[in-house]
Amino acid sequence: MTDWIATDLDSTLFARAWLAEDAIAATWSPAEDSSRTPSSWMKASTHRLLSSLGKSFALVPVTARDLDSFSRVEVEELNLRGPAVVANGAVILGWDGQPDPLWEEHMIAKLASWESTLDEFCAWLIGKSAGHARPRLIPGPGGLPAYLVAKAEPGWWHAAEGKRILAEMDWRGCRVEVLGLELQVLPPGVGKRDATLEVQRRWFEGRPPLLCMGDMPLDLEFMRLGGLLATPMGSTLDQSWPP
């Protein structure tokens, strides 16, 4: 199959709120026993659309989720296991659902020199934010951190204190984005677009995706590879477009 669709997952296809009685479980909380608890859901209408498209197109997730978090994505009747772009492009999964060794080697070479810097950023944010920001490093290939994410209360990153902290730090060429409640700090070389291009080259004979879906302005980097673009109504991306 050479026809494919590239799509972000969280806030594009999935939501943490219970949407309706007929919503479909999409992700699952870490299992502490034999029970399984859904942690996000997909609208039934979205599920019908993706189920129909999945019969004719490969569905390729393009997500910031790391491998562990992505392993808990499971939607009935949908094959989202591979290929896939995870950890904001630091990891690519092949058709077998396993990390691609060539891309892993490529990313380890890029990330190795950033490990101590990301550790430093994490410690600096913990001290500077006085507990308002909760930074953590997202695991990538070879045990290296892929990028940093720091969650805060709604609006805090856009308030005076959050803005001051962002302005004070020397981010050393990393890309810094505030996405809703989260700050993301991506080292050079980490990004959804480059990884999506690699998936296109390696597994789809160089053919671009027919459709790309996302919910944030940052997603436009990979979405513009597609012949068609789509975003949920009311998403951050939707609200950023002129009326």
C-alpha atoms as a PDB file:
ATOM      1  CA  MET A   1       0.000   0.000   0.000  1.00  0.00           C
ATOM      2  CA  THR A   2       1.551   3.321  -1.093  1.00  0.00           C
ATOM      3  CA  ASP A   3      -1.353   5.637  -0.250  1.00  0.00           C
ATOM      4  CA  TRP A   4      -1.253   6.973   3.286  1.00  0.00           C
ATOM      5  CA  ILE A   5      -2.529   9.484   5.815  1.00  0.00           C
ATOM      6  CA  ALA A   6      -0.330  11.165   8.437  1.00  0.00           C
ATOM      7  CA  THR A   7      -2.063  12.265  11.611  1.00  0.00           C
ATOM      8  CA  ASP A   8      -1.328  13.676  15.022  1.00  0.00           C
ATOM      9  CA  LEU A   9      -3.151  11.826  17.817  1.00  0.00           C
ATOM     10  CA  ASP A  10      -3.850  13.767  21.017  1.00  0.00           C
ATOM     11  CA  SER A  11      -6.345  16.626  20.625  1.00  0.00           C
ATOM     12  CA  THR A  12      -6.580  15.761  16.921  1.00  0.00           C
ATOM     13  CA  LEU A  13      -8.146  12.288  17.062  1.00  0.00           C
ATOM     14  CA  PHE A  14      -8.270  11.736  20.843  1.00  0.00           C
ATOM     15  CA  ALA A  15      -9.543  13.699  23.846  1.00  0.00           C
ATOM     16  CA  ARG A  16      -9.207  13.015  27.569  1.00  0.00           C
ATOM     17  CA  ALA A  17     -12.730  14.163  28.363  1.00  0.00           C
ATOM     18  CA  TRP A  18     -15.564  11.692  28.000  1.00  0.00           C
ATOM     19  CA  LEU A  19     -17.135  12.911  24.771  1.00  0.00           C
ATOM     20  CA  ALA A  20     -20.348  10.892  24.618  1.00  0.00           C
ATOM     21  CA  GLU A  21     -21.809   7.539  25.595  1.00  0.00           C
ATOM     22  CA  ASP A  22     -20.781   6.074  22.251  1.00  0.00           C
ATOM     23  CA  ALA A  23     -17.174   7.370  22.371  1.00  0.00           C
ATOM     24  CA  ILE A  24     -14.475   4.790  21.581  1.00  0.00           C
ATOM     25  CA  ALA A  25     -11.592   4.144  23.999  1.00  0.00           C
ATOM     26  CA  ALA A  26      -8.341   5.213  22.334  1.00  0.00           C
ATOM     27  CA  THR A  27      -5.576   5.165  24.951  1.00  0.00           C
ATOM     28  CA  TRP A  28      -5.112   3.263  28.192  1.00  0.00           C
ATOM     29  CA  SER A  29      -3.612   4.076  31.574  1.00  0.00           C
ATOM     30  CA  PRO A  30      -0.566   2.090  32.703  1.00  0.00           C
ATOM     31  CA  ALA A  31      -1.845  -1.266  33.970  1.00  0.00           C
ATOM     32  CA  GLU A  32      -1.141  -1.817  37.664  1.00  0.00           C
ATOM     33  CA  ASP A  33      -3.072  -5.069  37.664  1.00  0.00           C
ATOM     34  CA  SER A  34      -5.056  -7.124  35.158  1.00  0.00           C
ATOM     35  CA  SER A  35      -7.651  -4.347  34.699  1.00  0.00           C
ATOM     36  CA  ARG A  36      -7.533  -1.779  31.883  1.00  0.00           C
ATOM     37  CA  THR A  37      -8.701   1.804  32.272  1.00  0.00           C
ATOM     38  CA  PRO A  38      -9.186   4.109  29.260  1.00  0.00           C
ATOM     39  CA  SER A  39      -7.388   7.442  29.510  1.00  0.00           C
ATOM     40  CA  SER A  40      -8.696   9.124  26.353  1.00  0.00           C
ATOM     41  CA  TRP A  41     -11.394   8.558  23.781  1.00  0.00           C
ATOM     42  CA  MET A  42     -12.292   9.102  20.148  1.00  0.00           C
ATOM     43  CA  LYS A  43     -15.609  10.434  18.951  1.00  0.00           C
ATOM     44  CA  ALA A  44     -17.709   7.720  17.348  1.00  0.00           C
ATOM     45  CA  SER A  45     -18.037   9.784  14.162  1.00  0.00           C
ATOM     46  CA  THR A  46     -14.234  10.217  13.976  1.00  0.00           C
ATOM     47  CA  HIS A  47     -13.831   6.478  14.532  1.00  0.00           C
ATOM     48  CA  ARG A  48     -16.197   5.705  11.652  1.00  0.00           C
ATOM     49  CA  LEU A  49     -14.248   8.050   9.386  1.00  0.00           C
ATOM     50  CA  LEU A  50     -10.839   6.575  10.311  1.00  0.00           C
ATOM     51  CA  SER A  51     -12.151   3.008  10.044  1.00  0.00           C
ATOM     52  CA  SER A  52     -13.364   3.739   6.527  1.00  0.00           C
ATOM     53  CA  LEU A  53     -10.160   5.495   5.473  1.00  0.00           C
ATOM     54  CA  GLY A  54      -8.055   2.714   6.970  1.00  0.00           C
ATOM     55  CA  LYS A  55      -9.465   0.261   4.440  1.00  0.00           C
ATOM     56  CA  SER A  56      -7.845   2.189   1.574  1.00  0.00           C
ATOM     57  CA  PHE A  57      -4.971   4.109   3.200  1.00  0.00           C
ATOM     58  CA  ALA A  58      -2.237   3.353   5.695  1.00  0.00           C
ATOM     59  CA  LEU A  59      -2.781   5.414   8.848  1.00  0.00           C
ATOM     60  CA  VAL A  60       0.537   6.794  10.110  1.00  0.00           C
ATOM     61  CA  PRO A  61       0.557   8.395  13.574  1.00  0.00           C
ATOM     62  CA  VAL A  62       2.802  11.452  13.947  1.00  0.00           C
ATOM     63  CA  THR A  63       2.909  12.123  17.673  1.00  0.00           C
ATOM     64  CA  ALA A  64       4.876  13.648  20.531  1.00  0.00           C
ATOM     65  CA  ARG A  65       4.179  10.528  22.632  1.00  0.00           C
ATOM     66  CA  ASP A  66       7.214   8.480  23.601  1.00  0.00           C
ATOM     67  CA  LEU A  67       7.393   4.733  22.994  1.00  0.00           C
ATOM     68  CA  ASP A  68       5.863   3.761  26.332  1.00  0.00           C
ATOM     69  CA  SER A  69       2.974   6.181  25.977  1.00  0.00           C
ATOM     70  CA  PHE A  70       2.439   5.213  22.333  1.00  0.00           C
ATOM     71  CA  SER A  71       2.328   1.524  23.298  1.00  0.00           C
ATOM     72  CA  ARG A  72      -0.856   2.313  25.242  1.00  0.00           C
ATOM     73  CA  VAL A  73      -2.635   3.604  22.105  1.00  0.00           C
ATOM     74  CA  GLU A  74      -5.124   0.948  21.087  1.00  0.00           C
ATOM     75  CA  VAL A  75      -8.287   1.703  19.129  1.00  0.00           C
ATOM     76  CA  GLU A  76     -10.525  -1.125  18.006  1.00  0.00           C
ATOM     77  CA  GLU A  77     -10.605  -1.705  14.239  1.00  0.00           C
ATOM     78  CA  LEU A  78      -7.748   0.750  13.595  1.00  0.00           C
ATOM     79  CA  ASN A  79      -4.171  -0.238  12.741  1.00  0.00           C
ATOM     80  CA  LEU A  80      -1.917   2.483  14.154  1.00  0.00           C
ATOM     81  CA  ARG A  81       1.124   0.346  14.889  1.00  0.00           C
ATOM     82  CA  GLY A  82       3.435   1.079  11.986  1.00  0.00           C
ATOM     83  CA  PRO A  83       4.917   2.927  10.364  1.00  0.00           C
ATOM     84  CA  ALA A  84       4.709   5.669  12.980  1.00  0.00           C
ATOM     85  CA  VAL A  85       6.553   8.816  14.026  1.00  0.00           C
ATOM     86  CA  VAL A  86       6.864   9.067  17.826  1.00  0.00           C
ATOM     87  CA  ALA A  87       8.666  11.253  20.376  1.00  0.00           C
ATOM     88  CA  ASN A  88       8.279  14.275  18.069  1.00  0.00           C
ATOM     89  CA  GLY A  89      10.257  12.487  15.373  1.00  0.00           C
ATOM     90  CA  ALA A  90      13.128  11.193  17.502  1.00  0.00           C
ATOM     91  CA  VAL A  91      11.872   7.631  16.924  1.00  0.00           C
ATOM     92  CA  ILE A  92      10.370   6.015  13.824  1.00  0.00           C
ATOM     93  CA  LEU A  93       8.600   2.660  13.877  1.00  0.00           C
ATOM     94  CA  GLY A  94       8.575   0.412  10.816  1.00  0.00           C
ATOM     95  CA  TRP A  95       5.814  -1.851   9.536  1.00  0.00           C
ATOM     96  CA  ASP A  96       6.645  -4.321  12.312  1.00  0.00           C
ATOM     97  CA  GLY A  97       5.992  -1.692  14.976  1.00  0.00           C
ATOM     98  CA  GLN A  98       9.622  -1.773  16.101  1.00  0.00           C
ATOM     99  CA  PRO A  99      12.052   1.192  16.184  1.00  0.00           C
ATOM    100  CA  ASP A 100      13.858   1.549  12.895  1.00  0.00           C
ATOM    101  CA  PRO A 101      17.588   0.939  13.504  1.00  0.00           C
ATOM    102  CA  LEU A 102      18.794   3.272  10.754  1.00  0.00           C
ATOM    103  CA  TRP A 103      16.787   6.211  12.075  1.00  0.00           C
ATOM    104  CA  GLU A 104      17.820   5.300  15.617  1.00  0.00           C
ATOM    105  CA  GLU A 105      21.479   5.485  14.642  1.00  0.00           C
ATOM    106  CA  HIS A 106      20.873   8.803  12.885  1.00  0.00           C
ATOM    107  CA  MET A 107      19.117  10.330  15.912  1.00  0.00           C
ATOM    108  CA  ILE A 108      21.580   9.018  18.506  1.00  0.00           C
ATOM    109  CA  ALA A 109      24.328  10.890  16.650  1.00  0.00           C
ATOM    110  CA  LYS A 110      22.258  14.091  16.837  1.00  0.00           C
ATOM    111  CA  LEU A 111      21.081  13.732  20.438  1.00  0.00           C
ATOM    112  CA  ALA A 112      24.266  12.536  22.147  1.00  0.00           C
ATOM    113  CA  SER A 113      25.706  16.036  22.495  1.00  0.00           C
ATOM    114  CA  TRP A 114      22.446  17.429  23.940  1.00  0.00           C
ATOM    115  CA  GLU A 115      21.944  15.087  26.906  1.00  0.00           C
ATOM    116  CA  SER A 116      23.725  17.231  29.492  1.00  0.00           C
ATOM    117  CA  THR A 117      22.159  20.422  28.118  1.00  0.00           C
ATOM    118  CA  LEU A 118      18.630  19.048  28.434  1.00  0.00           C
ATOM    119  CA  ASP A 119      19.430  17.875  31.972  1.00  0.00           C
ATOM    120  CA  GLU A 120      20.606  21.402  32.732  1.00  0.00           C
ATOM    121  CA  PHE A 121      17.453  22.951  31.263  1.00  0.00           C
ATOM    122  CA  CYS A 122      15.317  20.617  33.373  1.00  0.00           C
ATOM    123  CA  ALA A 123      17.094  21.491  36.609  1.00  0.00           C
ATOM    124  CA  TRP A 124      17.041  25.215  35.778  1.00  0.00           C
ATOM    125  CA  LEU A 125      13.265  25.196  35.164  1.00  0.00           C
ATOM    126  CA  ILE A 126      12.609  23.342  38.408  1.00  0.00           C
ATOM    127  CA  GLY A 127      14.534  25.965  40.363  1.00  0.00           C
ATOM    128  CA  LYS A 128      13.307  29.039  38.507  1.00  0.00           C
ATOM    129  CA  SER A 129       9.596  28.212  38.348  1.00  0.00           C
ATOM    130  CA  ALA A 130       9.256  27.474  42.089  1.00  0.00           C
ATOM    131  CA  GLY A 131       7.059  24.482  41.371  1.00  0.00           C
ATOM    132  CA  HIS A 132       4.780  26.165  38.817  1.00  0.00           C
ATOM    133  CA  ALA A 133       6.370  24.238  35.927  1.00  0.00           C
ATOM    134  CA  ARG A 134       6.834  20.470  36.042  1.00  0.00           C
ATOM    135  CA  PRO A 135       9.606  19.632  33.571  1.00  0.00           C
ATOM    136  CA  ARG A 136      10.581  16.129  32.500  1.00  0.00           C
ATOM    137  CA  LEU A 137      12.745  14.621  29.799  1.00  0.00           C
ATOM    138  CA  ILE A 138      11.055  12.495  27.142  1.00  0.00           C
ATOM    139  CA  PRO A 139      13.042   9.317  26.418  1.00  0.00           C
ATOM    140  CA  GLY A 140      14.358   8.804  22.906  1.00  0.00           C
ATOM    141  CA  PRO A 141      16.658   6.323  21.150  1.00  0.00           C
ATOM    142  CA  GLY A 142      19.590   4.724  22.893  1.00  0.00           C
ATOM    143  CA  GLY A 143      18.445   5.860  26.324  1.00  0.00           C
ATOM    144  CA  LEU A 144      19.031   9.503  25.408  1.00  0.00           C
ATOM    145  CA  PRO A 145      16.464  12.224  26.107  1.00  0.00           C
ATOM    146  CA  ALA A 146      14.651  13.259  22.944  1.00  0.00           C
ATOM    147  CA  TYR A 147      13.285  16.566  24.197  1.00  0.00           C
ATOM    148  CA  LEU A 148      12.006  18.378  27.284  1.00  0.00           C
ATOM    149  CA  VAL A 149       8.391  19.050  28.182  1.00  0.00           C
ATOM    150  CA  ALA A 150       7.208  21.172  31.125  1.00  0.00           C
ATOM    151  CA  LYS A 151       3.546  21.393  32.123  1.00  0.00           C
ATOM    152  CA  ALA A 152       2.055  24.295  34.074  1.00  0.00           C
ATOM    153  CA  GLU A 153      -1.367  25.550  35.083  1.00  0.00           C
ATOM    154  CA  PRO A 154      -3.565  27.048  32.336  1.00  0.00           C
ATOM    155  CA  GLY A 155      -2.245  30.416  31.170  1.00  0.00           C
ATOM    156  CA  TRP A 156       0.900  30.338  33.309  1.00  0.00           C
ATOM    157  CA  TRP A 157       3.369  30.223  30.397  1.00  0.00           C
ATOM    158  CA  HIS A 158       1.654  33.289  28.883  1.00  0.00           C
ATOM    159  CA  ALA A 159       1.574  35.194  32.190  1.00  0.00           C
ATOM    160  CA  ALA A 160       4.335  37.601  33.224  1.00  0.00           C
ATOM    161  CA  GLU A 161       6.287  35.058  35.305  1.00  0.00           C
ATOM    162  CA  GLY A 162       6.231  32.388  32.607  1.00  0.00           C
ATOM    163  CA  LYS A 163       7.269  34.859  29.910  1.00  0.00           C
ATOM    164  CA  ARG A 164      10.102  36.156  32.086  1.00  0.00           C
ATOM    165  CA  ILE A 165      11.491  32.664  32.620  1.00  0.00           C
ATOM    166  CA  LEU A 166      11.363  31.915  28.887  1.00  0.00           C
ATOM    167  CA  ALA A 167      13.188  35.174  28.120  1.00  0.00           C
ATOM    168  CA  GLU A 168      15.913  34.597  30.727  1.00  0.00           C
ATOM    169  CA  MET A 169      17.072  31.185  29.558  1.00  0.00           C
ATOM    170  CA  ASP A 170      19.723  30.750  26.878  1.00  0.00           C
ATOM    171  CA  TRP A 171      18.098  27.898  24.933  1.00  0.00           C
ATOM    172  CA  ARG A 172      21.246  27.376  22.813  1.00  0.00           C
ATOM    173  CA  GLY A 173      19.569  26.954  19.471  1.00  0.00           C
ATOM    174  CA  CYS A 174      16.790  24.635  20.649  1.00  0.00           C
ATOM    175  CA  ARG A 175      13.272  25.217  19.409  1.00  0.00           C
ATOM    176  CA  VAL A 176      11.041  26.419  22.240  1.00  0.00           C
ATOM    177  CA  GLU A 177       7.266  26.227  21.824  1.00  0.00           C
ATOM    178  CA  VAL A 178       4.370  26.763  24.214  1.00  0.00           C
ATOM    179  CA  LEU A 179       1.592  24.348  23.260  1.00  0.00           C
ATOM    180  CA  GLY A 180      -1.426  24.775  25.506  1.00  0.00           C
ATOM    181  CA  LEU A 181      -0.334  23.835  29.040  1.00  0.00           C
ATOM    182  CA  GLU A 182       3.046  22.591  27.867  1.00  0.00           C
ATOM    183  CA  LEU A 183       6.412  24.053  27.089  1.00  0.00           C
ATOM    184  CA  GLN A 184       8.374  21.916  24.630  1.00  0.00           C
ATOM    185  CA  VAL A 185      12.118  22.310  24.111  1.00  0.00           C
ATOM    186  CA  LEU A 186      13.352  20.401  21.046  1.00  0.00           C
ATOM    187  CA  PRO A 187      17.072  20.066  20.244  1.00  0.00           C
ATOM    188  CA  PRO A 188      18.131  20.699  16.637  1.00  0.00           C
ATOM    189  CA  GLY A 189      17.274  17.723  14.452  1.00  0.00           C
ATOM    190  CA  VAL A 190      14.170  16.678  16.414  1.00  0.00           C
ATOM    191  CA  GLY A 191      10.930  17.394  14.581  1.00  0.00           C
ATOM    192  CA  LYS A 192       7.871  15.752  13.090  1.00  0.00           C
ATOM    193  CA  ARG A 193       8.526  17.011   9.549  1.00  0.00           C
ATOM    194  CA  ASP A 194      11.941  15.415   8.986  1.00  0.00           C
ATOM    195  CA  ALA A 195      10.761  12.106  10.418  1.00  0.00           C
ATOM    196  CA  THR A 196       7.603  12.171   8.276  1.00  0.00           C
ATOM    197  CA  LEU A 197       9.749  12.797   5.197  1.00  0.00           C
ATOM    198  CA  GLU A 198      11.848   9.755   6.134  1.00  0.00           C
ATOM    199  CA  VAL A 199       8.711   7.612   6.440  1.00  0.00           C
ATOM    200  CA  GLN A 200       7.610   8.911   3.045  1.00  0.00           C
ATOM    201  CA  ARG A 201      10.942   8.015   1.467  1.00  0.00           C
ATOM    202  CA  ARG A 202      11.435   4.645   3.117  1.00  0.00           C
ATOM    203  CA  TRP A 203       8.016   3.043   3.100  1.00  0.00           C
ATOM    204  CA  PHE A 204       5.813   4.905   0.631  1.00  0.00           C
ATOM    205  CA  GLU A 205       8.049   5.127  -2.446  1.00  0.00           C
ATOM    206  CA  GLY A 206       8.497   8.868  -1.942  1.00  0.00           C
ATOM    207  CA  ARG A 207       4.788   9.546  -2.333  1.00  0.00           C
ATOM    208  CA  PRO A 208       3.546  12.272   0.038  1.00  0.00           C
ATOM    209  CA  PRO A 209       0.555  11.623   2.289  1.00  0.00           C
ATOM    210  CA  LEU A 210      -2.823  12.288   0.742  1.00  0.00           C
ATOM    211  CA  LEU A 211      -4.071  13.851   3.974  1.00  0.00           C
ATOM    212  CA  CYS A 212      -2.328  15.309   7.047  1.00  0.00           C
ATOM    213  CA  MET A 213      -4.151  16.103  10.287  1.00  0.00           C
ATOM    214  CA  GLY A 214      -3.036  18.082  13.344  1.00  0.00           C
ATOM    215  CA  ASP A 215      -4.284  20.512  15.971  1.00  0.00           C
ATOM    216  CA  MET A 216      -1.367  22.886  16.709  1.00  0.00           C
ATOM    217  CA  PRO A 217       0.381  25.510  14.536  1.00  0.00           C
ATOM    218  CA  LEU A 218       3.606  23.527  15.035  1.00  0.00           C
ATOM    219  CA  ASP A 219       1.928  20.569  13.307  1.00  0.00           C
ATOM    220  CA  LEU A 220       1.798  22.582  10.086  1.00  0.00           C
ATOM    221  CA  GLU A 221       5.451  21.692   9.526  1.00  0.00           C
ATOM    222  CA  PHE A 222       4.548  18.094   8.719  1.00  0.00           C
ATOM    223  CA  MET A 223       0.973  18.790   7.595  1.00  0.00           C
ATOM    224  CA  ARG A 224       2.181  20.837   4.639  1.00  0.00           C
ATOM    225  CA  LEU A 225       3.684  17.654   3.189  1.00  0.00           C
ATOM    226  CA  GLY A 226       0.169  16.393   2.460  1.00  0.00           C
ATOM    227  CA  GLY A 227      -2.129  16.978  -0.452  1.00  0.00           C
ATOM    228  CA  LEU A 228      -4.961  17.870   1.938  1.00  0.00           C
ATOM    229  CA  LEU A 229      -4.819  19.398   5.433  1.00  0.00           C
ATOM    230  CA  ALA A 230      -7.384  19.004   8.231  1.00  0.00           C
ATOM    231  CA  THR A 231      -7.700  20.246  11.798  1.00  0.00           C
ATOM    232  CA  PRO A 232     -10.483  19.783  14.378  1.00  0.00           C
ATOM    233  CA  MET A 233     -12.985  22.587  14.751  1.00  0.00           C
ATOM    234  CA  GLY A 234     -11.974  24.775  17.687  1.00  0.00           C
ATOM    235  CA  SER A 235      -8.396  23.493  17.807  1.00  0.00           C
ATOM    236  CA  THR A 236      -5.502  25.878  18.467  1.00  0.00           C
ATOM    237  CA  LEU A 237      -4.622  25.657  14.783  1.00  0.00           C
ATOM    238  CA  ASP A 238      -8.198  26.380  13.738  1.00  0.00           C
ATOM    239  CA  GLN A 239      -8.313  29.425  16.037  1.00  0.00           C
ATOM    240  CA  SER A 240      -5.007  30.741  14.666  1.00  0.00           C
ATOM    241  CA  TRP A 241      -6.407  31.035  11.128  1.00  0.00           C
ATOM    242  CA  PRO A 242      -8.028  34.331  10.106  1.00  0.00           C
ATOM    243  CA  PRO A 243     -11.847  34.289  10.281  1.00  0.00           C
END
